[in-house]
Every structure is written in C-alpha cells, then in structure tokens.
C-alpha cells in the first residue's frame, strides 16, 4: 500500500479508472473490461521492470569509473 500511495503513482491509478470507465461504456468491450485492464497493467509493469533492470545493470557495470567496453 505504501507504493500505491506514492505521489508518483497517482497518475496510473486515475488512468486505470478512466480506462475502465471508457471500456465499460463500449458495448464490444464491456464484458472483458477487467481482463483488458489487467493486461494493460501487466504490460506497463513488465516494461517498467525491464527499464529499471537495465538502469541498475548499467550502473553496476561502471563501478570505479572504469567501463567494460575499453
């Protein structure tokens, strides 16, 4: 819950509510709104995880100011 209450996450919370309301009002998507919202959230979470993993990996490979590529 602490992560959810972070000020950086409020945009995602509101975007999820908006997406759910929009999908609920489209007759073709109204039955699968929860599933569609879950897949979109999963895609965003995986993308965020990959970006943060690459950042941590690149920061760890340049320890001591010496790069591995030379």
PDB file of N, CA and C in Angstrom:
ATOM      1  N   UNK A   1       0.816  -1.196   0.000  1.00  0.00           N
ATOM      2  CA  UNK A   1       0.000   0.000   0.000  1.00  0.00           C
ATOM      3  C   UNK A   1       0.858   1.257   0.000  1.00  0.00           C
ATOM      4  N   UNK A   2       2.054   1.194   0.570  1.00  0.00           N
ATOM      5  CA  UNK A   2       2.907   2.378   0.569  1.00  0.00           C
ATOM      6  C   UNK A   2       3.302   2.766  -0.844  1.00  0.00           C
ATOM      7  N   UNK A   3       3.545   1.781  -1.697  1.00  0.00           N
ATOM      8  CA  UNK A   3       3.910   2.073  -3.078  1.00  0.00           C
ATOM      9  C   UNK A   3       2.729   2.713  -3.806  1.00  0.00           C
ATOM     10  N   UNK A   4       1.530   2.205  -3.551  1.00  0.00           N
ATOM     11  CA  UNK A   4       0.353   2.756  -4.201  1.00  0.00           C
ATOM     12  C   UNK A   4       0.075   4.184  -3.777  1.00  0.00           C
ATOM     13  N   UNK A   5       0.401   4.518  -2.559  1.00  0.00           N
ATOM     14  CA  UNK A   5       0.137   5.863  -2.067  1.00  0.00           C
ATOM     15  C   UNK A   5       1.253   6.846  -2.415  1.00  0.00           C
ATOM     16  N   UNK A   6       2.267   6.389  -3.131  1.00  0.00           N
ATOM     17  CA  UNK A   6       3.349   7.268  -3.559  1.00  0.00           C
ATOM     18  C   UNK A   6       2.799   8.323  -4.521  1.00  0.00           C
ATOM     19  N   UNK A   7       3.342   9.511  -4.453  1.00  0.00           N
ATOM     20  CA  UNK A   7       2.845  10.595  -5.307  1.00  0.00           C
ATOM     21  C   UNK A   7       3.136  10.334  -6.779  1.00  0.00           C
ATOM     22  N   UNK A   8       4.091   9.481  -7.088  1.00  0.00           N
ATOM     23  CA  UNK A   8       4.420   9.179  -8.478  1.00  0.00           C
ATOM     24  C   UNK A   8       3.409   8.228  -9.101  1.00  0.00           C
ATOM     25  N   UNK A   9       2.623   7.527  -8.321  1.00  0.00           N
ATOM     26  CA  UNK A   9       1.716   6.505  -8.831  1.00  0.00           C
ATOM     27  C   UNK A   9       0.278   6.979  -9.010  1.00  0.00           C
ATOM     28  N   UNK A  10      -0.063   8.186  -8.574  1.00  0.00           N
ATOM     29  CA  UNK A  10      -1.439   8.657  -8.674  1.00  0.00           C
ATOM     30  C   UNK A  10      -1.913   8.718 -10.118  1.00  0.00           C
ATOM     31  N   UNK A  11      -1.038   9.070 -11.036  1.00  0.00           N
ATOM     32  CA  UNK A  11      -1.422   9.139 -12.449  1.00  0.00           C
ATOM     33  C   UNK A  11      -1.864   7.793 -12.982  1.00  0.00           C
ATOM     34  N   UNK A  12      -1.153   6.730 -12.602  1.00  0.00           N
ATOM     35  CA  UNK A  12      -1.529   5.392 -13.041  1.00  0.00           C
ATOM     36  C   UNK A  12      -2.857   4.961 -12.429  1.00  0.00           C
ATOM     37  N   UNK A  13      -3.086   5.336 -11.186  1.00  0.00           N
ATOM     38  CA  UNK A  13      -4.341   4.990 -10.526  1.00  0.00           C
ATOM     39  C   UNK A  13      -5.520   5.630 -11.251  1.00  0.00           C
ATOM     40  N   UNK A  14      -5.423   6.925 -11.530  1.00  0.00           N
ATOM     41  CA  UNK A  14      -6.503   7.613 -12.222  1.00  0.00           C
ATOM     42  C   UNK A  14      -6.643   7.137 -13.660  1.00  0.00           C
ATOM     43  N   UNK A  15      -5.531   6.844 -14.328  1.00  0.00           N
ATOM     44  CA  UNK A  15      -5.593   6.340 -15.703  1.00  0.00           C
ATOM     45  C   UNK A  15      -6.303   4.990 -15.751  1.00  0.00           C
ATOM     46  N   UNK A  16      -6.112   4.162 -14.740  1.00  0.00           N
ATOM     47  CA  UNK A  16      -6.805   2.880 -14.678  1.00  0.00           C
ATOM     48  C   UNK A  16      -8.303   3.053 -14.512  1.00  0.00           C
ATOM     49  N   UNK A  17      -8.716   3.980 -13.675  1.00  0.00           N
ATOM     50  CA  UNK A  17     -10.146   4.244 -13.514  1.00  0.00           C
ATOM     51  C   UNK A  17     -10.757   4.782 -14.805  1.00  0.00           C
ATOM     52  N   UNK A  18     -10.048   5.678 -15.467  1.00  0.00           N
ATOM     53  CA  UNK A  18     -10.557   6.246 -16.713  1.00  0.00           C
ATOM     54  C   UNK A  18     -10.667   5.159 -17.780  1.00  0.00           C
ATOM     55  N   UNK A  19      -9.630   4.326 -17.898  1.00  0.00           N
ATOM     56  CA  UNK A  19      -9.659   3.262 -18.903  1.00  0.00           C
ATOM     57  C   UNK A  19     -10.800   2.285 -18.627  1.00  0.00           C
ATOM     58  N   UNK A  20     -11.009   1.935 -17.374  1.00  0.00           N
ATOM     59  CA  UNK A  20     -12.092   1.015 -17.023  1.00  0.00           C
ATOM     60  C   UNK A  20     -13.460   1.616 -17.351  1.00  0.00           C
ATOM     61  N   UNK A  21     -13.641   2.903 -17.078  1.00  0.00           N
ATOM     62  CA  UNK A  21     -14.924   3.548 -17.384  1.00  0.00           C
ATOM     63  C   UNK A  21     -15.161   3.661 -18.883  1.00  0.00           C
ATOM     64  N   UNK A  22     -14.120   3.976 -19.634  1.00  0.00           N
ATOM     65  CA  UNK A  22     -14.257   4.075 -21.089  1.00  0.00           C
ATOM     66  C   UNK A  22     -14.573   2.710 -21.684  1.00  0.00           C
ATOM     67  N   UNK A  23     -13.844   1.687 -21.256  1.00  0.00           N
ATOM     68  CA  UNK A  23     -14.085   0.336 -21.781  1.00  0.00           C
ATOM     69  C   UNK A  23     -15.451  -0.198 -21.374  1.00  0.00           C
ATOM     70  N   UNK A  24     -15.936   0.189 -20.224  1.00  0.00           N
ATOM     71  CA  UNK A  24     -17.250  -0.267 -19.758  1.00  0.00           C
ATOM     72  C   UNK A  24     -18.363   0.300 -20.627  1.00  0.00           C
ATOM     73  N   UNK A  25     -18.161   1.497 -21.184  1.00  0.00           N
ATOM     74  CA  UNK A  25     -19.196   2.136 -21.991  1.00  0.00           C
ATOM     75  C   UNK A  25     -19.168   1.704 -23.451  1.00  0.00           C
ATOM     76  N   UNK A  26     -18.171   0.954 -23.872  1.00  0.00           N
ATOM     77  CA  UNK A  26     -18.116   0.425 -25.232  1.00  0.00           C
ATOM     78  C   UNK A  26     -18.734  -0.972 -25.195  1.00  0.00           C
ATOM     79  N   UNK A  27     -19.839  -1.172 -25.893  1.00  0.00           N
ATOM     80  CA  UNK A  27     -20.556  -2.464 -25.792  1.00  0.00           C
ATOM     81  C   UNK A  27     -19.698  -3.682 -26.147  1.00  0.00           C
ATOM     82  N   UNK A  28     -18.810  -3.552 -27.117  1.00  0.00           N
ATOM     83  CA  UNK A  28     -17.999  -4.702 -27.527  1.00  0.00           C
ATOM     84  C   UNK A  28     -16.965  -5.077 -26.468  1.00  0.00           C
ATOM     85  N   UNK A  29     -16.564  -4.132 -25.631  1.00  0.00           N
ATOM     86  CA  UNK A  29     -15.529  -4.380 -24.628  1.00  0.00           C
ATOM     87  C   UNK A  29     -16.077  -4.499 -23.214  1.00  0.00           C
ATOM     88  N   UNK A  30     -17.343  -4.261 -23.016  1.00  0.00           N
ATOM     89  CA  UNK A  30     -17.882  -4.174 -21.657  1.00  0.00           C
ATOM     90  C   UNK A  30     -17.760  -5.480 -20.884  1.00  0.00           C
ATOM     91  N   UNK A  31     -17.803  -6.617 -21.557  1.00  0.00           N
ATOM     92  CA  UNK A  31     -17.688  -7.893 -20.854  1.00  0.00           C
ATOM     93  C   UNK A  31     -16.269  -8.203 -20.415  1.00  0.00           C
ATOM     94  N   UNK A  32     -15.291  -7.672 -21.114  1.00  0.00           N
ATOM     95  CA  UNK A  32     -13.899  -8.009 -20.841  1.00  0.00           C
ATOM     96  C   UNK A  32     -13.110  -6.832 -20.262  1.00  0.00           C
ATOM     97  N   UNK A  33     -13.784  -5.902 -19.629  1.00  0.00           N
ATOM     98  CA  UNK A  33     -13.111  -4.702 -19.123  1.00  0.00           C
ATOM     99  C   UNK A  33     -12.052  -5.036 -18.078  1.00  0.00           C
ATOM    100  N   UNK A  34     -12.381  -5.896 -17.144  1.00  0.00           N
ATOM    101  CA  UNK A  34     -11.429  -6.236 -16.090  1.00  0.00           C
ATOM    102  C   UNK A  34     -10.213  -6.956 -16.664  1.00  0.00           C
ATOM    103  N   UNK A  35     -10.442  -7.887 -17.570  1.00  0.00           N
ATOM    104  CA  UNK A  35      -9.344  -8.624 -18.182  1.00  0.00           C
ATOM    105  C   UNK A  35      -8.463  -7.706 -19.025  1.00  0.00           C
ATOM    106  N   UNK A  36      -9.075  -6.825 -19.793  1.00  0.00           N
ATOM    107  CA  UNK A  36      -8.325  -5.874 -20.610  1.00  0.00           C
ATOM    108  C   UNK A  36      -7.498  -4.938 -19.731  1.00  0.00           C
ATOM    109  N   UNK A  37      -8.075  -4.459 -18.647  1.00  0.00           N
ATOM    110  CA  UNK A  37      -7.343  -3.584 -17.724  1.00  0.00           C
ATOM    111  C   UNK A  37      -6.169  -4.317 -17.089  1.00  0.00           C
ATOM    112  N   UNK A  38      -6.351  -5.576 -16.770  1.00  0.00           N
ATOM    113  CA  UNK A  38      -5.268  -6.366 -16.175  1.00  0.00           C
ATOM    114  C   UNK A  38      -4.119  -6.551 -17.162  1.00  0.00           C
ATOM    115  N   UNK A  39      -4.425  -6.819 -18.423  1.00  0.00           N
ATOM    116  CA  UNK A  39      -3.372  -6.996 -19.429  1.00  0.00           C
ATOM    117  C   UNK A  39      -2.605  -5.698 -19.677  1.00  0.00           C
ATOM    118  N   UNK A  40      -3.305  -4.587 -19.719  1.00  0.00           N
ATOM    119  CA  UNK A  40      -2.632  -3.294 -19.907  1.00  0.00           C
ATOM    120  C   UNK A  40      -1.738  -2.994 -18.702  1.00  0.00           C
ATOM    121  N   UNK A  41      -2.228  -3.251 -17.500  1.00  0.00           N
ATOM    122  CA  UNK A  41      -1.420  -3.046 -16.291  1.00  0.00           C
ATOM    123  C   UNK A  41      -0.202  -3.953 -16.259  1.00  0.00           C
ATOM    124  N   UNK A  42      -0.371  -5.199 -16.672  1.00  0.00           N
ATOM    125  CA  UNK A  42       0.753  -6.140 -16.725  1.00  0.00           C
ATOM    126  C   UNK A  42       1.805  -5.684 -17.735  1.00  0.00           C
ATOM    127  N   UNK A  43       1.373  -5.207 -18.882  1.00  0.00           N
ATOM    128  CA  UNK A  43       2.312  -4.723 -19.893  1.00  0.00           C
ATOM    129  C   UNK A  43       3.105  -3.522 -19.381  1.00  0.00           C
ATOM    130  N   UNK A  44       2.442  -2.613 -18.707  1.00  0.00           N
ATOM    131  CA  UNK A  44       3.129  -1.438 -18.155  1.00  0.00           C
ATOM    132  C   UNK A  44       4.105  -1.861 -17.066  1.00  0.00           C
ATOM    133  N   UNK A  45       3.706  -2.800 -16.220  1.00  0.00           N
ATOM    134  CA  UNK A  45       4.587  -3.277 -15.141  1.00  0.00           C
ATOM    135  C   UNK A  45       5.817  -3.981 -15.699  1.00  0.00           C
ATOM    136  N   UNK A  46       5.653  -4.816 -16.713  1.00  0.00           N
ATOM    137  CA  UNK A  46       6.802  -5.506 -17.318  1.00  0.00           C
ATOM    138  C   UNK A  46       7.757  -4.523 -17.983  1.00  0.00           C
ATOM    139  N   UNK A  47       7.213  -3.541 -18.677  1.00  0.00           N
ATOM    140  CA  UNK A  47       8.052  -2.525 -19.301  1.00  0.00           C
ATOM    141  C   UNK A  47       8.846  -1.746 -18.247  1.00  0.00           C
ATOM    142  N   UNK A  48       8.179  -1.356 -17.184  1.00  0.00           N
ATOM    143  CA  UNK A  48       8.845  -0.616 -16.108  1.00  0.00           C
ATOM    144  C   UNK A  48       9.936  -1.465 -15.460  1.00  0.00           C
ATOM    145  N   UNK A  49       9.658  -2.738 -15.246  1.00  0.00           N
ATOM    146  CA  UNK A  49      10.649  -3.643 -14.655  1.00  0.00           C
ATOM    147  C   UNK A  49      11.878  -3.773 -15.549  1.00  0.00           C
ATOM    148  N   UNK A  50      11.672  -3.919 -16.855  1.00  0.00           N
ATOM    149  CA  UNK A  50      12.792  -4.053 -17.779  1.00  0.00           C
ATOM    150  C   UNK A  50      13.641  -2.784 -17.824  1.00  0.00           C
ATOM    151  N   UNK A  51      12.989  -1.635 -17.819  1.00  0.00           N
ATOM    152  CA  UNK A  51      13.725  -0.367 -17.853  1.00  0.00           C
ATOM    153  C   UNK A  51      14.566  -0.212 -16.593  1.00  0.00           C
ATOM    154  N   UNK A  52      13.978  -0.487 -15.437  1.00  0.00           N
ATOM    155  CA  UNK A  52      14.716  -0.347 -14.180  1.00  0.00           C
ATOM    156  C   UNK A  52      15.829  -1.392 -14.064  1.00  0.00           C
ATOM    157  N   UNK A  53      15.629  -2.581 -14.612  1.00  0.00           N
ATOM    158  CA  UNK A  53      16.679  -3.607 -14.590  1.00  0.00           C
ATOM    159  C   UNK A  53      17.864  -3.178 -15.426  1.00  0.00           C
ATOM    160  N   UNK A  54      17.611  -2.588 -16.593  1.00  0.00           N
ATOM    161  CA  UNK A  54      18.698  -2.118 -17.455  1.00  0.00           C
ATOM    162  C   UNK A  54      19.448  -0.968 -16.804  1.00  0.00           C
ATOM    163  N   UNK A  55      18.736  -0.092 -16.130  1.00  0.00           N
ATOM    164  CA  UNK A  55      19.389   1.031 -15.456  1.00  0.00           C
ATOM    165  C   UNK A  55      20.291   0.520 -14.339  1.00  0.00           C
ATOM    166  N   UNK A  56      19.796  -0.420 -13.539  1.00  0.00           N
ATOM    167  CA  UNK A  56      20.605  -0.971 -12.452  1.00  0.00           C
ATOM    168  C   UNK A  56      21.796  -1.741 -12.997  1.00  0.00           C
ATOM    169  N   UNK A  57      21.599  -2.461 -14.087  1.00  0.00           N
ATOM    170  CA  UNK A  57      22.679  -3.242 -14.682  1.00  0.00           C
ATOM    171  C   UNK A  57      23.770  -2.338 -15.231  1.00  0.00           C
ATOM    172  N   UNK A  58      23.384  -1.270 -15.909  1.00  0.00           N
ATOM    173  CA  UNK A  58      24.385  -0.367 -16.474  1.00  0.00           C
ATOM    174  C   UNK A  58      25.094   0.419 -15.371  1.00  0.00           C
ATOM    175  N   UNK A  59      24.421   0.713 -14.284  1.00  0.00           N
ATOM    176  CA  UNK A  59      25.060   1.414 -13.173  1.00  0.00           C
ATOM    177  C   UNK A  59      26.041   0.489 -12.455  1.00  0.00           C
ATOM    178  N   UNK A  60      25.744  -0.783 -12.392  1.00  0.00           N
ATOM    179  CA  UNK A  60      26.618  -1.736 -11.722  1.00  0.00           C
ATOM    180  C   UNK A  60      27.838  -2.109 -12.536  1.00  0.00           C
ATOM    181  N   UNK A  61      27.769  -1.977 -13.865  1.00  0.00           N
ATOM    182  CA  UNK A  61      28.906  -2.355 -14.714  1.00  0.00           C
ATOM    183  C   UNK A  61      29.967  -1.262 -14.783  1.00  0.00           C
ATOM    184  N   UNK A  62      29.683  -0.077 -14.314  1.00  0.00           N
ATOM    185  CA  UNK A  62      30.638   1.040 -14.366  1.00  0.00           C
ATOM    186  C   UNK A  62      31.135   1.365 -12.954  1.00  0.00           C
ATOM    187  N   UNK A  63      31.504   0.354 -12.183  1.00  0.00           N
ATOM    188  CA  UNK A  63      31.980   0.545 -10.820  1.00  0.00           C
ATOM    189  C   UNK A  63      33.411   1.048 -10.851  1.00  0.00           C
ATOM    190  N   UNK A  64      33.691   2.064 -10.106  1.00  0.00           N
ATOM    191  CA  UNK A  64      35.035   2.596 -10.016  1.00  0.00           C
ATOM    192  C   UNK A  64      35.433   3.503 -11.183  1.00  0.00           C
ATOM    193  N   UNK A  65      34.502   3.845 -12.044  1.00  0.00           N
ATOM    194  CA  UNK A  65      34.784   4.756 -13.142  1.00  0.00           C
ATOM    195  C   UNK A  65      35.444   4.081 -14.331  1.00  0.00           C
ATOM    196  N   UNK A  66      35.618   2.790 -14.308  1.00  0.00           N
ATOM    197  CA  UNK A  66      36.229   2.058 -15.426  1.00  0.00           C
ATOM    198  C   UNK A  66      35.123   1.327 -16.163  1.00  0.00           C
ATOM    199  N   UNK A  67      35.008   1.590 -17.463  1.00  0.00           N
ATOM    200  CA  UNK A  67      33.964   0.902 -18.225  1.00  0.00           C
ATOM    201  C   UNK A  67      34.491  -0.399 -18.769  1.00  0.00           C
ATOM    202  N   UNK A  68      33.607  -1.353 -19.020  1.00  0.00           N
ATOM    203  CA  UNK A  68      33.985  -2.662 -19.510  1.00  0.00           C
ATOM    204  C   UNK A  68      34.277  -2.687 -20.998  1.00  0.00           C
ATOM    205  N   UNK A  69      33.824  -1.678 -21.734  1.00  0.00           N
ATOM    206  CA  UNK A  69      33.943  -1.681 -23.186  1.00  0.00           C
ATOM    207  C   UNK A  69      35.312  -1.326 -23.719  1.00  0.00           C
ATOM    208  N   UNK A  70      36.255  -0.921 -22.894  1.00  0.00           N
ATOM    209  CA  UNK A  70      37.571  -0.491 -23.390  1.00  0.00           C
ATOM    210  C   UNK A  70      38.557  -1.617 -23.348  1.00  0.00           C
TER     211      UNK A  70
END
